Amino acid sequence: MIRLHIVAASSLVRSGLENLLAGRGVSILGSTSSLAALAGQILEAEPDAVLLDASGGQPETVLQELASSNLTSETTVLVLLDHAPPGFLAEALRAGVRAVLPTQVTRDQLLAALNAAMAGLVITHPSELPAWIPEPSFASPSVSELTEPLTPREREVLQMLASGLVNKEIAAKLAISEHTVKFHVASILGKLGAATRTEAVSLGIRHGLVLL
């Protein structure tokens, strides 16, 4: 049985949370309208956890009050909030809060969060994750489209370059002159933006123009 104290400015909210949780593995020790009011009772009540409804208040003020009360060092604290502003979740965790949940959390979610927090886990709602976890800074490299596609003949020549053939060998295989091969190679380098034949092959592979 989890011994819980509820803190909420609204008496209706306190009553609603009591009805929501009482008798479901939770024993409601009492409720107060503020953390200041709780300070005089917590040593006597010794709750396992405190559920703090911070809706309608300033999140920064809530953290300041928690820090000054030293509550998180004495018991497990869960906070209900309309919306966590950027940076609030990280600051709340640093302040020792075990769970930050939206006020519209369901009974089952709240009970699960309470049990998880008592087990030493840190909990937040999935809807708040984007504010907590930044977007990854890395991305898979993309290959831009060629401004001018290679002709079928140029793709043949590029494939032979990838096979390690020199101009004379390419000319013999395609039954064209070495001069024409040089022309195709120069065109391939220009279209791929490559400085060398090796770079052209590498870019050709990235563009899917070379079969390995």
Protein backbone atom coordinates (compact mmCIF):
# COMPACT_ATOMS: atom_id res chain seq x y z
CA MET A 1 0.00 0.00 0.00
CA ILE A 2 1.44 3.37 -1.06
CA ARG A 3 0.93 6.13 1.50
CA LEU A 4 0.16 9.26 -0.54
CA HIS A 5 -0.35 12.92 0.24
CA ILE A 6 -2.02 15.18 -2.34
CA VAL A 7 -1.16 18.85 -2.87
CA ALA A 8 -3.48 20.95 -5.05
CA ALA A 9 -4.68 24.53 -4.83
CA SER A 10 -8.23 23.56 -5.81
CA SER A 11 -10.33 21.63 -3.32
CA LEU A 12 -12.22 20.08 -6.25
CA VAL A 13 -8.97 18.78 -7.72
CA ARG A 14 -7.91 17.37 -4.36
CA SER A 15 -11.24 15.62 -3.96
CA GLY A 16 -11.12 14.29 -7.51
CA LEU A 17 -7.61 12.87 -7.10
CA GLU A 18 -8.55 11.27 -3.78
CA ASN A 19 -11.56 9.54 -5.36
CA LEU A 20 -9.44 8.52 -8.34
CA LEU A 21 -6.72 6.81 -6.32
CA ALA A 22 -8.12 5.75 -2.96
CA GLY A 23 -8.49 2.02 -2.43
CA ARG A 24 -6.41 1.04 -5.46
CA GLY A 25 -3.25 0.13 -3.67
CA VAL A 26 -3.06 3.72 -2.43
CA SER A 27 -3.78 5.07 1.04
CA ILE A 28 -4.56 8.80 1.03
CA LEU A 29 -2.99 10.24 4.17
CA GLY A 30 -4.35 13.72 3.54
CA SER A 31 -4.36 16.69 1.21
CA THR A 32 -3.25 20.30 1.41
CA SER A 33 -3.60 23.38 -0.76
CA SER A 34 0.11 24.15 -1.01
CA LEU A 35 3.60 22.88 -0.36
CA ALA A 36 3.91 25.43 2.44
CA ALA A 37 0.86 23.94 4.13
CA LEU A 38 2.31 20.46 3.71
CA ALA A 39 5.57 21.42 5.43
CA GLY A 40 3.96 21.34 8.86
CA GLN A 41 2.43 17.90 8.34
CA ILE A 42 4.96 15.84 6.41
CA LEU A 43 7.17 14.90 9.36
CA GLU A 44 4.19 13.55 11.25
CA ALA A 45 2.42 11.93 8.27
CA GLU A 46 5.56 10.43 6.65
CA PRO A 47 4.00 9.74 3.22
CA ASP A 48 5.72 7.45 0.73
CA ALA A 49 4.87 9.85 -2.08
CA VAL A 50 3.46 13.30 -2.72
CA LEU A 51 1.27 14.06 -5.74
CA LEU A 52 1.55 17.76 -6.58
CA ASP A 53 -0.99 19.33 -8.91
CA ALA A 54 0.76 22.33 -10.44
CA SER A 55 -1.89 23.19 -13.01
CA GLY A 56 -2.69 26.87 -13.22
CA GLY A 57 0.56 27.86 -11.56
CA GLN A 58 3.93 28.97 -12.82
CA PRO A 59 6.21 25.96 -13.43
CA GLU A 60 9.30 27.92 -12.39
CA THR A 61 7.63 28.80 -9.08
CA VAL A 62 6.80 25.13 -8.50
CA LEU A 63 10.46 24.16 -8.88
CA GLN A 64 11.57 26.95 -6.56
CA GLU A 65 9.08 25.83 -3.91
CA LEU A 66 10.21 22.22 -4.22
CA ALA A 67 13.85 23.25 -3.89
CA SER A 68 13.20 25.37 -0.81
CA SER A 69 11.02 22.69 0.83
CA ASN A 70 13.65 19.94 0.40
CA LEU A 71 10.67 17.66 -0.20
CA THR A 72 12.24 15.55 -2.94
CA SER A 73 15.00 14.40 -0.60
CA GLU A 74 12.43 13.08 1.88
CA THR A 75 9.80 11.47 -0.33
CA THR A 76 8.88 10.53 -3.92
CA VAL A 77 7.31 13.50 -5.72
CA LEU A 78 5.06 13.35 -8.78
CA VAL A 79 3.95 16.55 -10.55
CA LEU A 80 0.82 17.10 -12.63
CA LEU A 81 1.13 19.98 -15.08
CA ASP A 82 -1.01 21.41 -17.89
CA HIS A 83 2.01 21.69 -20.15
CA ALA A 84 5.71 21.45 -19.40
CA PRO A 85 7.57 24.43 -20.94
CA PRO A 86 10.92 23.84 -22.65
CA GLY A 87 13.55 22.81 -20.16
CA PHE A 88 11.10 22.11 -17.33
CA LEU A 89 11.45 18.34 -17.44
CA ALA A 90 15.22 18.44 -17.16
CA GLU A 91 15.05 20.98 -14.34
CA ALA A 92 12.40 18.93 -12.53
CA LEU A 93 14.55 15.80 -12.71
CA ARG A 94 17.55 17.70 -11.40
CA ALA A 95 15.32 18.90 -8.54
CA GLY A 96 14.55 15.28 -7.65
CA VAL A 97 11.03 14.98 -9.10
CA ARG A 98 10.28 11.39 -10.11
CA ALA A 99 7.40 11.95 -12.53
CA VAL A 100 6.00 14.82 -14.60
CA LEU A 101 2.59 14.05 -16.09
CA PRO A 102 -0.15 16.02 -17.86
CA THR A 103 -3.24 16.83 -15.82
CA GLN A 104 -5.39 14.82 -18.27
CA VAL A 105 -3.54 11.61 -17.40
CA THR A 106 -5.85 8.60 -16.94
CA ARG A 107 -6.30 6.76 -13.66
CA ASP A 108 -4.45 3.71 -14.93
CA GLN A 109 -1.57 5.86 -16.18
CA LEU A 110 -1.38 7.72 -12.88
CA LEU A 111 -1.40 4.50 -10.87
CA ALA A 112 1.27 2.98 -13.12
CA ALA A 113 3.40 6.13 -12.82
CA LEU A 114 3.01 6.12 -9.04
CA ASN A 115 4.12 2.49 -8.74
CA ALA A 116 7.00 3.03 -11.16
CA ALA A 117 8.17 6.11 -9.28
CA MET A 118 8.09 4.18 -6.02
CA ALA A 119 10.28 1.56 -7.71
CA GLY A 120 12.86 4.26 -8.41
CA LEU A 121 12.04 4.98 -12.05
CA VAL A 122 11.63 8.36 -13.72
CA ILE A 123 8.39 8.82 -15.64
CA THR A 124 6.90 11.26 -18.09
CA HIS A 125 4.05 11.11 -20.57
CA PRO A 126 4.84 10.28 -24.24
CA SER A 127 3.32 13.60 -25.31
CA GLU A 128 6.08 15.41 -23.42
CA LEU A 129 9.00 13.49 -24.94
CA PRO A 130 9.61 15.92 -27.84
CA ALA A 131 10.25 18.66 -25.28
CA TRP A 132 12.59 16.40 -23.33
CA ILE A 133 14.54 14.64 -26.06
CA PRO A 134 16.05 16.90 -28.73
CA GLU A 135 15.88 16.03 -32.39
CA PRO A 136 18.90 14.03 -33.49
CA SER A 137 21.60 16.19 -35.01
CA PHE A 138 22.71 13.49 -37.39
CA ALA A 139 21.02 12.46 -40.63
CA SER A 140 21.73 9.94 -43.29
CA PRO A 141 23.66 11.57 -46.09
CA SER A 142 21.58 12.08 -49.16
CA VAL A 143 22.79 12.07 -52.72
CA SER A 144 21.60 15.01 -54.76
CA GLU A 145 20.18 14.48 -58.20
CA LEU A 146 22.51 15.07 -61.13
CA THR A 147 21.89 18.32 -62.92
CA GLU A 148 22.38 16.42 -66.20
CA PRO A 149 21.91 12.64 -66.37
CA LEU A 150 24.51 10.34 -67.88
CA THR A 151 23.75 8.94 -71.31
CA PRO A 152 23.52 5.13 -71.73
CA ARG A 153 26.97 5.14 -73.34
CA GLU A 154 28.45 7.21 -70.51
CA ARG A 155 27.00 4.77 -67.99
CA GLU A 156 28.69 1.94 -69.90
CA VAL A 157 32.00 3.77 -69.78
CA LEU A 158 31.56 4.53 -66.06
CA GLN A 159 30.87 0.87 -65.35
CA MET A 160 34.08 -0.07 -67.17
CA LEU A 161 36.01 2.55 -65.23
CA ALA A 162 34.71 0.90 -62.07
CA SER A 163 36.06 -2.42 -63.39
CA GLY A 164 39.52 -0.87 -63.67
CA LEU A 165 39.74 -0.72 -67.47
CA VAL A 166 41.95 1.90 -69.11
CA ASN A 167 40.88 4.00 -72.11
CA LYS A 168 42.45 1.63 -74.67
CA GLU A 169 40.60 -1.38 -73.21
CA ILE A 170 37.30 0.53 -73.06
CA ALA A 171 37.73 1.61 -76.69
CA ALA A 172 38.33 -1.99 -77.77
CA LYS A 173 35.31 -3.33 -75.89
CA LEU A 174 32.96 -0.64 -77.25
CA ALA A 175 34.54 -0.56 -80.73
CA ILE A 176 35.12 3.18 -80.53
CA SER A 177 38.25 5.31 -80.68
CA GLU A 178 40.32 6.26 -77.62
CA HIS A 179 39.57 9.89 -78.45
CA THR A 180 35.84 9.15 -78.08
CA VAL A 181 36.49 7.37 -74.77
CA LYS A 182 38.38 10.42 -73.50
CA PHE A 183 35.43 12.58 -74.53
CA HIS A 184 33.00 10.33 -72.59
CA VAL A 185 35.24 10.28 -69.52
CA ALA A 186 35.51 14.08 -69.53
CA SER A 187 31.72 14.35 -69.81
CA ILE A 188 31.23 11.87 -66.94
CA LEU A 189 33.60 13.83 -64.70
CA GLY A 190 31.79 17.05 -65.47
CA LYS A 191 28.29 15.69 -64.84
CA LEU A 192 29.29 14.01 -61.57
CA GLY A 193 31.40 16.94 -60.41
CA ALA A 194 34.40 14.65 -60.00
CA ALA A 195 38.05 15.62 -60.30
CA THR A 196 39.41 12.15 -61.00
CA ARG A 197 38.28 8.84 -62.47
CA THR A 198 38.37 7.26 -58.99
CA GLU A 199 36.14 9.98 -57.58
CA ALA A 200 33.79 9.55 -60.53
CA VAL A 201 33.44 5.83 -59.76
CA SER A 202 32.81 6.59 -56.05
CA LEU A 203 30.13 9.15 -56.92
CA GLY A 204 28.67 6.80 -59.47
CA ILE A 205 28.25 4.14 -56.80
CA ARG A 206 26.54 6.63 -54.48
CA HIS A 207 24.16 7.66 -57.26
CA GLY A 208 23.38 4.04 -58.07
CA LEU A 209 24.93 4.32 -61.51
CA VAL A 210 27.52 1.59 -60.97
CA LEU A 211 26.62 -2.05 -60.37
CA LEU A 212 28.92 -3.74 -57.88
